Protein backbone atom coordinates (compact mmCIF):
# COMPACT_ATOMS: atom_id res chain seq x y z
CA LEU A 1 97.83 148.46 95.55
CA TYR A 2 94.32 148.22 96.92
CA VAL A 3 92.20 145.44 97.72
CA VAL A 4 88.27 145.59 98.40
CA GLU A 5 85.91 143.00 99.22
CA SER A 6 82.30 143.05 99.08
CA GLY A 7 79.16 140.78 98.83
CA GLY A 8 78.69 140.01 102.47
CA ASP A 9 75.32 139.76 103.73
CA LEU A 10 72.99 138.12 106.24
CA VAL A 11 71.52 135.16 104.49
CA GLN A 12 69.60 132.01 105.77
CA ALA A 13 71.29 128.82 106.11
CA GLY A 14 71.19 126.53 102.85
CA GLY A 15 71.39 129.55 100.78
CA SER A 16 74.31 131.11 98.41
CA LEU A 17 76.06 133.94 98.43
CA LYS A 18 78.71 135.56 96.02
CA LEU A 19 81.75 137.81 97.49
CA SER A 20 83.71 139.90 95.16
CA CYS A 21 87.14 141.29 95.50
CA VAL A 22 88.51 144.25 93.65
CA VAL A 23 92.35 144.92 93.12
CA THR A 24 93.11 148.57 92.14
CA GLY A 25 96.41 150.10 91.79
CA GLU A 26 98.13 147.65 89.66
CA PRO A 27 96.57 144.72 87.40
CA ILE A 28 94.93 141.87 89.46
CA SER A 29 97.01 139.60 86.82
CA LEU A 30 100.11 139.97 88.66
CA TYR A 31 98.41 138.29 91.63
CA ASP A 32 97.29 135.34 93.02
CA ILE A 33 94.26 135.99 95.01
CA ILE A 34 93.43 134.14 98.36
CA TRP A 35 90.14 133.92 100.53
CA PHE A 36 90.35 133.81 104.35
CA ARG A 37 87.58 134.03 106.97
CA GLN A 38 87.41 134.80 110.45
CA PRO A 39 84.83 133.34 112.47
CA PRO A 40 83.57 135.17 115.62
CA GLY A 41 85.78 134.60 118.47
CA LYS A 42 88.23 132.22 116.38
CA GLU A 43 91.25 132.73 114.54
CA ARG A 44 91.32 133.27 110.69
CA GLU A 45 91.45 130.45 108.76
CA GLU A 46 91.93 129.84 105.07
CA VAL A 47 89.20 129.32 102.32
CA SER A 48 90.18 129.27 98.87
CA CYS A 49 92.83 130.68 96.35
CA ILE A 50 93.22 130.98 92.59
CA SER A 51 96.43 131.61 90.70
CA SER A 52 96.90 134.81 88.71
CA ASN A 53 96.07 133.13 85.41
CA GLY A 54 93.33 131.42 86.96
CA ASP A 55 94.70 127.69 85.87
CA HIS A 56 95.12 126.58 89.73
CA THR A 57 92.57 126.78 92.55
CA GLN A 58 92.54 125.22 95.98
CA TYR A 59 90.01 124.96 98.90
CA ALA A 60 90.02 124.32 102.54
CA ASN A 61 88.50 121.10 103.26
CA SER A 62 85.63 122.17 104.75
CA MET A 63 84.58 124.63 101.71
CA ASN A 64 86.05 121.90 98.85
CA ASP A 65 82.43 121.07 97.80
CA ARG A 66 80.42 124.11 98.70
CA SER A 67 82.39 126.67 96.95
CA THR A 68 83.93 128.15 93.92
CA ILE A 69 86.62 130.64 93.33
CA TRP A 70 87.06 132.66 89.84
CA ARG A 71 88.49 135.30 88.64
CA ASP A 72 87.75 138.05 85.58
CA ASN A 73 91.45 139.62 85.09
CA THR A 74 89.78 141.94 82.42
CA LYS A 75 87.62 143.51 85.37
CA ASN A 76 90.51 143.50 87.92
CA SER A 77 88.16 141.17 90.31
CA ALA A 78 88.05 137.88 91.72
CA TYR A 79 84.98 136.04 93.21
CA LEU A 80 84.00 133.31 95.71
CA ARG A 81 80.90 131.63 95.72
CA ILE A 82 79.74 129.72 98.49
CA ASP A 83 76.66 127.47 98.35
CA SER A 84 74.72 125.60 101.10
CA LEU A 85 75.65 128.09 103.65
CA LYS A 86 76.01 127.24 107.42
CA PHE A 87 76.03 128.81 110.51
CA GLU A 88 79.65 128.02 110.66
CA ASP A 89 80.73 129.88 107.65
CA THR A 90 79.62 133.28 109.68
CA GLY A 91 82.38 135.33 109.34
CA VAL A 92 84.21 138.43 108.11
CA TYR A 93 85.92 137.27 104.87
CA PHE A 94 89.13 138.77 103.58
CA CYS A 95 90.52 138.84 100.17
CA ALA A 96 94.45 138.82 99.78
CA ALA A 97 96.82 139.65 96.90
CA MET A 98 99.72 137.86 96.72
CA PRO A 99 102.46 138.45 94.04
CA ARG A 100 102.45 135.52 91.70
CA GLU A 101 105.96 135.18 91.76
CA ILE A 102 106.22 134.07 95.13
CA VAL A 103 104.46 130.47 94.80
CA SER A 104 103.91 128.28 91.92
CA GLY A 105 99.97 127.78 91.29
CA CYS A 106 98.67 129.28 94.71
CA THR A 107 98.60 128.88 98.50
CA LEU A 108 96.48 128.92 101.04
CA LEU A 109 99.05 130.25 103.58
CA GLU A 110 99.11 133.72 104.90
CA ASP A 111 102.24 135.42 103.63
CA PRO A 112 104.07 138.59 104.38
CA SER A 113 104.00 139.79 100.67
CA GLN A 114 99.81 139.73 100.69
CA GLU A 115 98.03 142.89 100.52
CA TRP A 116 94.76 142.46 102.30
CA GLY A 117 91.36 143.75 101.99
CA ARG A 118 89.29 145.07 105.52
CA GLY A 119 86.90 142.37 104.67
CA THR A 120 83.44 141.73 104.45
CA GLN A 121 80.80 140.45 106.87
CA VAL A 122 78.75 137.10 106.36
CA VAL A 123 76.18 136.20 108.98
CA VAL A 124 74.59 132.97 108.39
CA GLN A 125 71.21 132.50 110.27
CA PRO A 126 70.35 128.93 111.39
């Protein structure tokens, strides 16, 4: 299983960004998808998750009204859109694939069963 993120960019505060996560090696429909991020000099934190069939989503409190997660299993892809970007959104964004049978719905917690990508860099200019 391979997970690859893309879409990170240098953007102005107030702008929007769409991040993509592509899973190869196995059907993405077998996995819940979780987005995490790591701001510079800080610990990694959860952002959002979506269940394998897309029926269930969760958002971190800081992202709840500014982001949207969705997936297209026919394209083996999941996406995260962030609107009204803030300087504090700067960081490396990671996508993780977690076998769907581990939890009901999806979880924002890190778990050893997750397969991670290498991340994509988002820089928000104030």
